[in-house]
């Protein structure tokens, strides 16, 4: 059995001695206290390790999500810029520029139209701007992209960027 020396304040030692025959075996009390403290510290370590691992996982996944959203938005920006440069007409670009700030803040899961169809209806003032029209008018053939909010926000940002570059020169 291991041995350690424990120092206690003088006042505590006097009170312990005053217990006389009623005093417990102090080494048993100390062992129980040591075991409880060791268990508490180990539990905290375990929780910290779990928390650290979960924090690490969450941080990594957030970076992954941001990277994925960023790449979709970048692709949308390039496509929107190219569309504005090669296909869009002035009234349509003006309509894109004047879209409300919250245009993409609806949930496509409960909306009949995807983001691209909604954009098409808004800027072309066409109540029935379906999938074929999106491909023809906006050049967006991929339905997954047409439903992707990040891509479509990038698309609009790219179109507006091109429009702002040329508007004053017209």
N, C-alpha and C. Protein backbone atom coordinates (compact mmCIF):
# COMPACT_ATOMS: atom_id res chain seq x y z
N UNK A 1 0.84 -1.17 0.00
CA UNK A 1 0.00 0.00 0.00
C UNK A 1 0.89 1.23 0.00
N UNK A 2 0.51 2.23 -0.83
CA UNK A 2 1.28 3.47 -0.91
C UNK A 2 1.12 4.31 0.34
N UNK A 3 2.08 5.17 0.54
CA UNK A 3 2.08 6.01 1.73
C UNK A 3 2.28 7.44 1.35
N UNK A 4 1.50 8.34 1.96
CA UNK A 4 1.70 9.77 1.76
C UNK A 4 1.54 10.47 3.09
N UNK A 5 2.06 11.65 3.16
CA UNK A 5 1.89 12.48 4.35
C UNK A 5 0.93 13.60 4.00
N UNK A 6 -0.05 13.80 4.86
CA UNK A 6 -1.03 14.85 4.62
C UNK A 6 -0.89 15.88 5.73
N UNK A 7 -0.77 17.11 5.34
CA UNK A 7 -0.70 18.20 6.31
C UNK A 7 -2.06 18.88 6.38
N UNK A 8 -2.51 19.12 7.62
CA UNK A 8 -3.78 19.80 7.82
C UNK A 8 -3.52 21.02 8.70
N UNK A 9 -4.37 22.02 8.62
CA UNK A 9 -4.18 23.20 9.49
C UNK A 9 -4.25 22.79 10.97
N UNK A 10 -3.52 23.51 11.79
CA UNK A 10 -3.47 23.21 13.23
C UNK A 10 -4.86 23.17 13.85
N UNK A 11 -5.71 24.11 13.51
CA UNK A 11 -7.06 24.16 14.08
C UNK A 11 -7.85 22.90 13.74
N UNK A 12 -7.73 22.43 12.50
CA UNK A 12 -8.42 21.20 12.10
C UNK A 12 -7.87 20.01 12.88
N UNK A 13 -6.55 19.96 13.05
CA UNK A 13 -5.93 18.85 13.80
C UNK A 13 -6.44 18.82 15.23
N UNK A 14 -6.60 20.00 15.85
CA UNK A 14 -7.12 20.06 17.23
C UNK A 14 -8.54 19.51 17.29
N UNK A 15 -9.38 19.88 16.30
CA UNK A 15 -10.76 19.40 16.30
C UNK A 15 -10.81 17.89 16.04
N UNK A 16 -9.91 17.40 15.19
CA UNK A 16 -9.87 15.95 14.93
C UNK A 16 -9.49 15.21 16.21
N UNK A 17 -8.48 15.71 16.91
CA UNK A 17 -8.03 15.07 18.15
C UNK A 17 -9.12 15.13 19.23
N UNK A 18 -9.92 16.19 19.21
CA UNK A 18 -10.96 16.36 20.22
C UNK A 18 -12.07 15.32 20.08
N UNK A 19 -12.15 14.65 18.96
CA UNK A 19 -13.18 13.63 18.77
C UNK A 19 -12.91 12.38 19.60
N UNK A 20 -11.67 12.19 19.98
CA UNK A 20 -11.31 11.06 20.84
C UNK A 20 -11.69 9.73 20.23
N UNK A 21 -12.45 8.90 21.03
CA UNK A 21 -12.84 7.56 20.59
C UNK A 21 -13.82 7.57 19.42
N UNK A 22 -14.48 8.69 19.21
CA UNK A 22 -15.45 8.79 18.12
C UNK A 22 -14.78 9.07 16.77
N UNK A 23 -13.50 9.33 16.80
CA UNK A 23 -12.78 9.66 15.56
C UNK A 23 -12.71 8.45 14.64
N UNK A 24 -12.96 8.66 13.37
CA UNK A 24 -12.83 7.56 12.42
C UNK A 24 -11.36 7.27 12.15
N UNK A 25 -11.12 6.24 11.35
CA UNK A 25 -9.76 5.99 10.89
C UNK A 25 -9.52 7.02 9.78
N UNK A 26 -8.68 8.00 10.09
CA UNK A 26 -8.51 9.14 9.18
C UNK A 26 -7.96 8.74 7.82
N UNK A 27 -7.21 7.70 7.76
CA UNK A 27 -6.68 7.28 6.45
C UNK A 27 -7.82 6.79 5.55
N UNK A 28 -8.86 6.16 6.15
CA UNK A 28 -10.02 5.72 5.36
C UNK A 28 -10.79 6.92 4.81
N UNK A 29 -10.94 7.95 5.68
CA UNK A 29 -11.61 9.18 5.25
C UNK A 29 -10.82 9.82 4.11
N UNK A 30 -9.51 9.85 4.26
CA UNK A 30 -8.66 10.46 3.24
C UNK A 30 -8.73 9.67 1.93
N UNK A 31 -8.71 8.33 2.03
CA UNK A 31 -8.79 7.50 0.82
C UNK A 31 -10.10 7.79 0.08
N UNK A 32 -11.21 7.86 0.80
CA UNK A 32 -12.50 8.14 0.16
C UNK A 32 -12.48 9.51 -0.50
N UNK A 33 -11.91 10.50 0.18
CA UNK A 33 -11.83 11.85 -0.39
C UNK A 33 -10.93 11.86 -1.62
N UNK A 34 -9.80 11.15 -1.54
CA UNK A 34 -8.88 11.10 -2.69
C UNK A 34 -9.54 10.42 -3.88
N UNK A 35 -10.23 9.30 -3.62
CA UNK A 35 -10.90 8.59 -4.71
C UNK A 35 -11.97 9.45 -5.36
N UNK A 36 -12.73 10.16 -4.55
CA UNK A 36 -13.77 11.04 -5.09
C UNK A 36 -13.15 12.14 -5.96
N UNK A 37 -12.05 12.71 -5.48
CA UNK A 37 -11.41 13.79 -6.23
C UNK A 37 -10.80 13.27 -7.53
N UNK A 38 -10.17 12.10 -7.48
CA UNK A 38 -9.59 11.50 -8.70
C UNK A 38 -10.70 11.21 -9.71
N UNK A 39 -11.82 10.66 -9.24
CA UNK A 39 -12.94 10.37 -10.14
C UNK A 39 -13.48 11.66 -10.75
N UNK A 40 -13.60 12.71 -9.96
CA UNK A 40 -14.08 14.00 -10.46
C UNK A 40 -13.16 14.55 -11.55
N UNK A 41 -11.87 14.50 -11.30
CA UNK A 41 -10.90 15.01 -12.28
C UNK A 41 -10.94 14.18 -13.56
N UNK A 42 -11.00 12.85 -13.40
CA UNK A 42 -11.06 11.99 -14.60
C UNK A 42 -12.34 12.25 -15.40
N UNK A 43 -13.45 12.48 -14.71
CA UNK A 43 -14.71 12.78 -15.40
C UNK A 43 -14.59 14.09 -16.18
N UNK A 44 -13.98 15.09 -15.56
CA UNK A 44 -13.78 16.38 -16.25
C UNK A 44 -12.88 16.20 -17.47
N UNK A 45 -11.84 15.38 -17.32
CA UNK A 45 -10.96 15.12 -18.47
C UNK A 45 -11.72 14.45 -19.61
N UNK A 46 -12.53 13.47 -19.25
CA UNK A 46 -13.32 12.76 -20.25
C UNK A 46 -14.29 13.71 -20.95
N UNK A 47 -14.98 14.53 -20.17
CA UNK A 47 -15.91 15.50 -20.75
C UNK A 47 -15.17 16.51 -21.63
N UNK A 48 -14.00 16.96 -21.17
CA UNK A 48 -13.21 17.91 -21.95
C UNK A 48 -12.76 17.27 -23.26
N UNK A 49 -12.36 15.99 -23.19
CA UNK A 49 -11.94 15.30 -24.41
C UNK A 49 -13.10 15.16 -25.37
N UNK A 50 -14.27 14.80 -24.85
CA UNK A 50 -15.46 14.70 -25.72
C UNK A 50 -15.81 16.06 -26.31
N UNK A 51 -15.78 17.08 -25.46
CA UNK A 51 -16.11 18.42 -25.91
C UNK A 51 -15.10 18.89 -26.95
N UNK A 52 -13.83 18.62 -26.68
CA UNK A 52 -12.78 19.00 -27.63
C UNK A 52 -13.00 18.29 -28.95
N UNK A 53 -13.28 16.99 -28.88
CA UNK A 53 -13.51 16.25 -30.11
C UNK A 53 -14.74 16.78 -30.84
N UNK A 54 -15.82 17.06 -30.12
CA UNK A 54 -17.03 17.57 -30.75
C UNK A 54 -16.77 18.96 -31.32
N UNK A 55 -16.04 19.77 -30.57
CA UNK A 55 -15.69 21.11 -31.06
C UNK A 55 -14.86 21.00 -32.33
N UNK A 56 -13.92 20.08 -32.33
CA UNK A 56 -13.08 19.88 -33.51
C UNK A 56 -13.92 19.42 -34.69
N UNK A 57 -14.82 18.50 -34.45
CA UNK A 57 -15.70 18.00 -35.52
C UNK A 57 -16.57 19.13 -36.06
N UNK A 58 -17.19 19.88 -35.15
CA UNK A 58 -18.05 20.98 -35.59
C UNK A 58 -17.27 22.03 -36.38
N UNK A 59 -16.08 22.38 -35.89
CA UNK A 59 -15.26 23.36 -36.61
C UNK A 59 -14.91 22.87 -38.00
N UNK A 60 -14.52 21.61 -38.09
CA UNK A 60 -14.14 21.05 -39.38
C UNK A 60 -15.32 21.05 -40.35
N UNK A 61 -16.49 20.64 -39.84
CA UNK A 61 -17.67 20.59 -40.70
C UNK A 61 -18.15 21.98 -41.11
N UNK A 62 -18.00 22.94 -40.22
CA UNK A 62 -18.37 24.32 -40.58
C UNK A 62 -17.48 24.83 -41.71
N UNK A 63 -16.18 24.54 -41.62
CA UNK A 63 -15.26 24.94 -42.69
C UNK A 63 -15.64 24.26 -43.99
N UNK A 64 -15.97 22.98 -43.92
CA UNK A 64 -16.37 22.24 -45.11
C UNK A 64 -17.62 22.85 -45.73
N UNK A 65 -18.60 23.17 -44.88
CA UNK A 65 -19.85 23.76 -45.38
C UNK A 65 -19.58 25.12 -46.03
N UNK A 66 -18.77 25.94 -45.36
CA UNK A 66 -18.45 27.26 -45.91
C UNK A 66 -17.72 27.15 -47.24
N UNK A 67 -16.80 26.19 -47.31
CA UNK A 67 -16.05 25.99 -48.55
C UNK A 67 -17.00 25.57 -49.68
N UNK A 68 -17.91 24.66 -49.36
CA UNK A 68 -18.88 24.19 -50.36
C UNK A 68 -19.80 25.32 -50.79
N UNK A 69 -20.31 26.08 -49.81
CA UNK A 69 -21.19 27.20 -50.15
C UNK A 69 -20.42 28.24 -50.94
N UNK A 70 -19.18 28.49 -50.55
CA UNK A 70 -18.37 29.48 -51.23
C UNK A 70 -18.11 29.07 -52.67
N UNK A 71 -17.82 27.78 -52.90
CA UNK A 71 -17.54 27.34 -54.27
C UNK A 71 -18.80 27.42 -55.13
N UNK A 72 -19.97 27.12 -54.56
CA UNK A 72 -21.21 27.25 -55.32
C UNK A 72 -21.50 28.71 -55.63
N UNK A 73 -21.28 29.56 -54.65
CA UNK A 73 -21.54 30.98 -54.85
C UNK A 73 -20.57 31.54 -55.89
N UNK A 74 -19.32 31.11 -55.85
CA UNK A 74 -18.32 31.56 -56.83
C UNK A 74 -18.71 31.10 -58.23
N UNK A 75 -19.12 29.85 -58.35
CA UNK A 75 -19.55 29.36 -59.66
C UNK A 75 -20.76 30.15 -60.16
N UNK A 76 -21.72 30.40 -59.26
CA UNK A 76 -22.89 31.18 -59.62
C UNK A 76 -22.51 32.58 -60.06
N UNK A 77 -21.57 33.19 -59.35
CA UNK A 77 -21.11 34.54 -59.69
C UNK A 77 -20.54 34.56 -61.11
N UNK A 78 -19.67 33.61 -61.40
CA UNK A 78 -19.06 33.54 -62.74
C UNK A 78 -20.12 33.32 -63.82
N UNK A 79 -21.06 32.41 -63.55
CA UNK A 79 -22.11 32.14 -64.53
C UNK A 79 -23.02 33.35 -64.71
N UNK A 80 -23.37 34.02 -63.63
CA UNK A 80 -24.22 35.21 -63.71
C UNK A 80 -23.53 36.34 -64.45
N UNK A 81 -22.25 36.50 -64.20
CA UNK A 81 -21.47 37.54 -64.88
C UNK A 81 -21.42 37.25 -66.38
N UNK A 82 -21.15 35.98 -66.70
CA UNK A 82 -21.09 35.57 -68.11
C UNK A 82 -22.45 35.73 -68.79
N UNK A 83 -23.52 35.34 -68.09
CA UNK A 83 -24.87 35.49 -68.64
C UNK A 83 -25.18 36.96 -68.91
N UNK A 84 -24.84 37.82 -67.96
CA UNK A 84 -25.11 39.26 -68.13
C UNK A 84 -24.31 39.82 -69.30
N UNK A 85 -23.10 39.31 -69.49
CA UNK A 85 -22.24 39.81 -70.56
C UNK A 85 -22.66 39.30 -71.93
N UNK A 86 -23.24 38.12 -72.00
CA UNK A 86 -23.49 37.50 -73.31
C UNK A 86 -24.96 37.38 -73.70
N UNK A 87 -25.88 37.38 -72.74
CA UNK A 87 -27.28 37.09 -73.09
C UNK A 87 -28.30 38.10 -72.58
N UNK A 88 -28.05 38.70 -71.45
CA UNK A 88 -29.06 39.54 -70.81
C UNK A 88 -29.27 40.86 -71.55
N UNK A 89 -30.49 41.33 -71.50
CA UNK A 89 -30.85 42.63 -72.08
C UNK A 89 -30.92 43.67 -70.96
N UNK A 90 -30.83 44.95 -71.33
CA UNK A 90 -30.81 46.04 -70.34
C UNK A 90 -32.01 45.98 -69.38
N UNK A 91 -33.24 45.86 -69.84
CA UNK A 91 -34.36 45.84 -68.88
C UNK A 91 -34.27 44.68 -67.88
N UNK A 92 -33.76 43.57 -68.34
CA UNK A 92 -33.62 42.41 -67.45
C UNK A 92 -32.54 42.68 -66.41
N UNK A 93 -31.41 43.25 -66.83
CA UNK A 93 -30.34 43.57 -65.88
C UNK A 93 -30.82 44.61 -64.86
N UNK A 94 -31.61 45.56 -65.30
CA UNK A 94 -32.18 46.54 -64.37
C UNK A 94 -33.10 45.84 -63.37
N UNK A 95 -33.88 44.89 -63.85
CA UNK A 95 -34.77 44.15 -62.95
C UNK A 95 -33.98 43.32 -61.95
N UNK A 96 -32.88 42.71 -62.41
CA UNK A 96 -32.03 41.93 -61.49
C UNK A 96 -31.44 42.86 -60.43
N UNK A 97 -30.97 44.01 -60.87
CA UNK A 97 -30.37 44.96 -59.92
C UNK A 97 -31.40 45.43 -58.88
N UNK A 98 -32.64 45.49 -59.26
CA UNK A 98 -33.69 46.00 -58.37
C UNK A 98 -34.41 44.91 -57.58
N UNK A 99 -33.87 43.71 -57.58
CA UNK A 99 -34.48 42.65 -56.77
C UNK A 99 -34.48 43.05 -55.30
N UNK A 100 -35.52 42.70 -54.56
CA UNK A 100 -35.52 43.01 -53.13
C UNK A 100 -34.39 42.26 -52.41
N UNK A 101 -33.89 42.86 -51.35
CA UNK A 101 -32.80 42.25 -50.57
C UNK A 101 -33.13 40.83 -50.11
N UNK A 102 -34.39 40.60 -49.80
CA UNK A 102 -34.80 39.31 -49.24
C UNK A 102 -35.33 38.35 -50.31
N UNK A 103 -34.98 38.57 -51.56
CA UNK A 103 -35.54 37.77 -52.65
C UNK A 103 -35.31 36.27 -52.46
N UNK A 104 -34.13 35.89 -51.98
CA UNK A 104 -33.80 34.47 -51.85
C UNK A 104 -34.09 33.92 -50.45
N UNK A 105 -34.80 34.65 -49.64
CA UNK A 105 -35.04 34.21 -48.26
C UNK A 105 -36.34 33.42 -48.09
N UNK A 106 -36.65 32.57 -49.02
CA UNK A 106 -37.80 31.69 -48.85
C UNK A 106 -37.32 30.26 -48.97
N UNK A 107 -38.12 29.36 -48.49
CA UNK A 107 -37.75 27.94 -48.46
C UNK A 107 -38.32 27.24 -49.69
N UNK A 108 -37.43 26.73 -50.55
CA UNK A 108 -37.90 26.08 -51.78
C UNK A 108 -38.64 24.78 -51.48
N UNK A 109 -38.46 24.23 -50.30
CA UNK A 109 -39.16 22.98 -49.97
C UNK A 109 -40.67 23.22 -49.87
N UNK A 110 -41.07 24.43 -49.54
CA UNK A 110 -42.50 24.71 -49.43
C UNK A 110 -42.98 25.61 -50.56
N UNK A 111 -42.08 26.00 -51.44
CA UNK A 111 -42.45 26.87 -52.55
C UNK A 111 -42.57 26.04 -53.82
N UNK A 112 -43.52 26.38 -54.65
CA UNK A 112 -43.75 25.63 -55.89
C UNK A 112 -42.59 25.79 -56.86
N UNK A 113 -41.93 26.93 -56.83
CA UNK A 113 -40.88 27.24 -57.81
C UNK A 113 -39.51 27.23 -57.15
N UNK A 114 -38.49 26.82 -57.93
CA UNK A 114 -37.14 26.88 -57.39
C UNK A 114 -36.61 28.31 -57.54
N UNK A 115 -35.41 28.55 -57.04
CA UNK A 115 -34.85 29.90 -57.05
C UNK A 115 -34.72 30.46 -58.47
N UNK A 116 -34.25 29.65 -59.40
CA UNK A 116 -34.07 30.12 -60.77
C UNK A 116 -35.41 30.44 -61.43
N UNK A 117 -36.40 29.60 -61.21
CA UNK A 117 -37.73 29.86 -61.78
C UNK A 117 -38.32 31.15 -61.20
N UNK A 118 -38.15 31.34 -59.91
CA UNK A 118 -38.65 32.57 -59.27
C UNK A 118 -37.94 33.79 -59.83
N UNK A 119 -36.63 33.68 -60.02
CA UNK A 119 -35.87 34.78 -60.60
C UNK A 119 -36.35 35.06 -62.02
N UNK A 120 -36.53 34.02 -62.78
CA UNK A 120 -36.99 34.14 -64.17
C UNK A 120 -38.35 34.85 -64.21
N UNK A 121 -39.27 34.42 -63.36
CA UNK A 121 -40.60 35.05 -63.33
C UNK A 121 -40.51 36.52 -62.96
N UNK A 122 -39.63 36.83 -62.02
CA UNK A 122 -39.52 38.21 -61.53
C UNK A 122 -38.91 39.13 -62.59
N UNK A 123 -37.78 38.73 -63.17
CA UNK A 123 -37.08 39.65 -64.07
C UNK A 123 -37.65 39.67 -65.48
N UNK A 124 -38.28 38.59 -65.89
CA UNK A 124 -38.89 38.56 -67.22
C UNK A 124 -40.39 38.83 -67.16
N UNK A 125 -40.89 39.06 -65.94
CA UNK A 125 -42.32 39.32 -65.72
C UNK A 125 -43.17 38.28 -66.42
N UNK A 126 -42.79 37.03 -66.20
CA UNK A 126 -43.47 35.89 -66.83
C UNK A 126 -44.01 35.00 -65.72
N UNK A 127 -45.31 34.89 -65.63
CA UNK A 127 -45.94 34.10 -64.57
C UNK A 127 -45.71 32.61 -64.72
N UNK A 128 -45.33 32.17 -65.90
CA UNK A 128 -45.16 30.74 -66.14
C UNK A 128 -43.75 30.45 -66.65
N UNK A 129 -42.78 30.83 -65.86
CA UNK A 129 -41.38 30.66 -66.25
C UNK A 129 -40.87 29.35 -65.64
N UNK A 130 -41.05 28.26 -66.37
CA UNK A 130 -40.68 26.95 -65.86
C UNK A 130 -39.26 26.55 -66.23
N UNK A 131 -38.96 25.29 -66.02
CA UNK A 131 -37.62 24.77 -66.24
C UNK A 131 -37.07 25.05 -67.64
N UNK A 132 -37.82 24.81 -68.73
CA UNK A 132 -37.27 25.10 -70.06
C UNK A 132 -36.91 26.58 -70.23
N UNK A 133 -37.75 27.45 -69.65
CA UNK A 133 -37.49 28.89 -69.76
C UNK A 133 -36.22 29.28 -69.00
N UNK A 134 -36.00 28.66 -67.87
CA UNK A 134 -34.80 28.96 -67.08
C UNK A 134 -33.56 28.65 -67.90
N UNK A 135 -33.58 27.50 -68.57
CA UNK A 135 -32.44 27.16 -69.43
C UNK A 135 -32.28 28.13 -70.58
N UNK A 136 -33.38 28.46 -71.22
CA UNK A 136 -33.35 29.35 -72.38
C UNK A 136 -33.01 30.79 -71.99
N UNK A 137 -33.68 31.32 -70.98
CA UNK A 137 -33.54 32.73 -70.63
C UNK A 137 -32.35 33.03 -69.72
N UNK A 138 -32.07 32.13 -68.79
CA UNK A 138 -30.98 32.37 -67.84
C UNK A 138 -29.74 31.52 -68.14
N UNK A 139 -29.89 30.53 -68.98
CA UNK A 139 -28.76 29.67 -69.30
C UNK A 139 -28.43 28.67 -68.21
N UNK A 140 -29.35 28.45 -67.28
CA UNK A 140 -29.11 27.50 -66.18
C UNK A 140 -29.80 26.20 -66.53
N UNK A 141 -29.01 25.22 -66.95
CA UNK A 141 -29.56 23.93 -67.38
C UNK A 141 -29.63 22.91 -66.25
N UNK A 142 -28.78 23.06 -65.25
CA UNK A 142 -28.69 22.10 -64.15
C UNK A 142 -29.74 22.41 -63.08
N UNK A 143 -30.70 21.50 -62.91
CA UNK A 143 -31.79 21.72 -61.96
C UNK A 143 -31.28 21.83 -60.52
N UNK A 144 -30.20 21.12 -60.19
CA UNK A 144 -29.65 21.22 -58.83
C UNK A 144 -29.15 22.63 -58.57
N UNK A 145 -28.51 23.22 -59.57
CA UNK A 145 -28.04 24.60 -59.40
C UNK A 145 -29.22 25.56 -59.32
N UNK A 146 -30.24 25.30 -60.11
CA UNK A 146 -31.43 26.16 -60.11
C UNK A 146 -32.11 26.16 -58.74
N UNK A 147 -31.91 25.09 -57.97
CA UNK A 147 -32.52 24.97 -56.64
C UNK A 147 -31.56 25.37 -55.52
N UNK A 148 -30.34 25.70 -55.87
CA UNK A 148 -29.33 25.99 -54.85
C UNK A 148 -29.28 27.50 -54.56
N UNK A 149 -29.61 27.84 -53.35
CA UNK A 149 -29.67 29.26 -52.98
C UNK A 149 -28.32 29.95 -53.12
N UNK A 150 -27.24 29.31 -52.68
CA UNK A 150 -25.92 29.93 -52.76
C UNK A 150 -25.53 30.19 -54.21
N UNK A 151 -25.77 29.20 -55.07
CA UNK A 151 -25.46 29.38 -56.49
C UNK A 151 -26.25 30.55 -57.07
N UNK A 152 -27.54 30.58 -56.78
CA UNK A 152 -28.40 31.62 -57.36
C UNK A 152 -28.07 33.00 -56.81
N UNK A 153 -27.71 33.09 -55.54
CA UNK A 153 -27.28 34.38 -54.99
C UNK A 153 -26.01 34.84 -55.70
N UNK A 154 -25.08 33.90 -55.92
CA UNK A 154 -23.86 34.23 -56.66
C UNK A 154 -24.18 34.66 -58.09
N UNK A 155 -25.11 33.96 -58.72
CA UNK A 155 -25.52 34.28 -60.09
C UNK A 155 -26.01 35.73 -60.17
N UNK A 156 -26.89 36.09 -59.26
CA UNK A 156 -27.42 37.46 -59.24
C UNK A 156 -26.31 38.46 -58.95
N UNK A 157 -25.44 38.15 -57.99
CA UNK A 157 -24.33 39.05 -57.67
C UNK A 157 -23.43 39.27 -58.88
N UNK A 158 -23.16 38.19 -59.62
CA UNK A 158 -22.32 38.31 -60.82
C UNK A 158 -22.97 39.15 -61.89
N UNK A 159 -24.27 38.94 -62.10
CA UNK A 159 -25.00 39.73 -63.10
C UNK A 159 -25.02 41.21 -62.72
N UNK A 160 -25.24 41.49 -61.45
CA UNK A 160 -25.26 42.88 -60.99
C UNK A 160 -23.87 43.51 -61.12
N UNK A 161 -22.83 42.73 -60.82
CA UNK A 161 -21.47 43.26 -60.94
C UNK A 161 -21.17 43.69 -62.38
N UNK A 162 -21.53 42.85 -63.34
CA UNK A 162 -21.31 43.20 -64.75
C UNK A 162 -22.13 44.44 -65.10
N UNK A 163 -23.39 44.48 -64.68
CA UNK A 163 -24.26 45.60 -64.98
C UNK A 163 -23.69 46.91 -64.43
N UNK A 164 -23.17 46.88 -63.21
CA UNK A 164 -22.60 48.09 -62.61
C UNK A 164 -21.35 48.55 -63.36
N UNK A 165 -20.61 47.61 -63.92
CA UNK A 165 -19.42 47.97 -64.69
C UNK A 165 -19.78 48.72 -65.97
N UNK A 166 -20.89 48.33 -66.60
CA UNK A 166 -21.20 48.88 -67.92
C UNK A 166 -22.32 49.92 -67.92
N UNK A 167 -23.13 49.97 -66.90
CA UNK A 167 -24.32 50.82 -66.90
C UNK A 167 -23.99 52.29 -67.21
N UNK A 168 -23.01 52.85 -66.56
CA UNK A 168 -22.69 54.26 -66.75
C UNK A 168 -22.08 54.54 -68.13
N UNK A 169 -21.57 53.52 -68.78
CA UNK A 169 -20.94 53.70 -70.09
C UNK A 169 -21.93 53.62 -71.24
N UNK A 170 -23.16 53.29 -70.95
CA UNK A 170 -24.17 53.16 -72.01
C UNK A 170 -24.80 54.49 -72.36
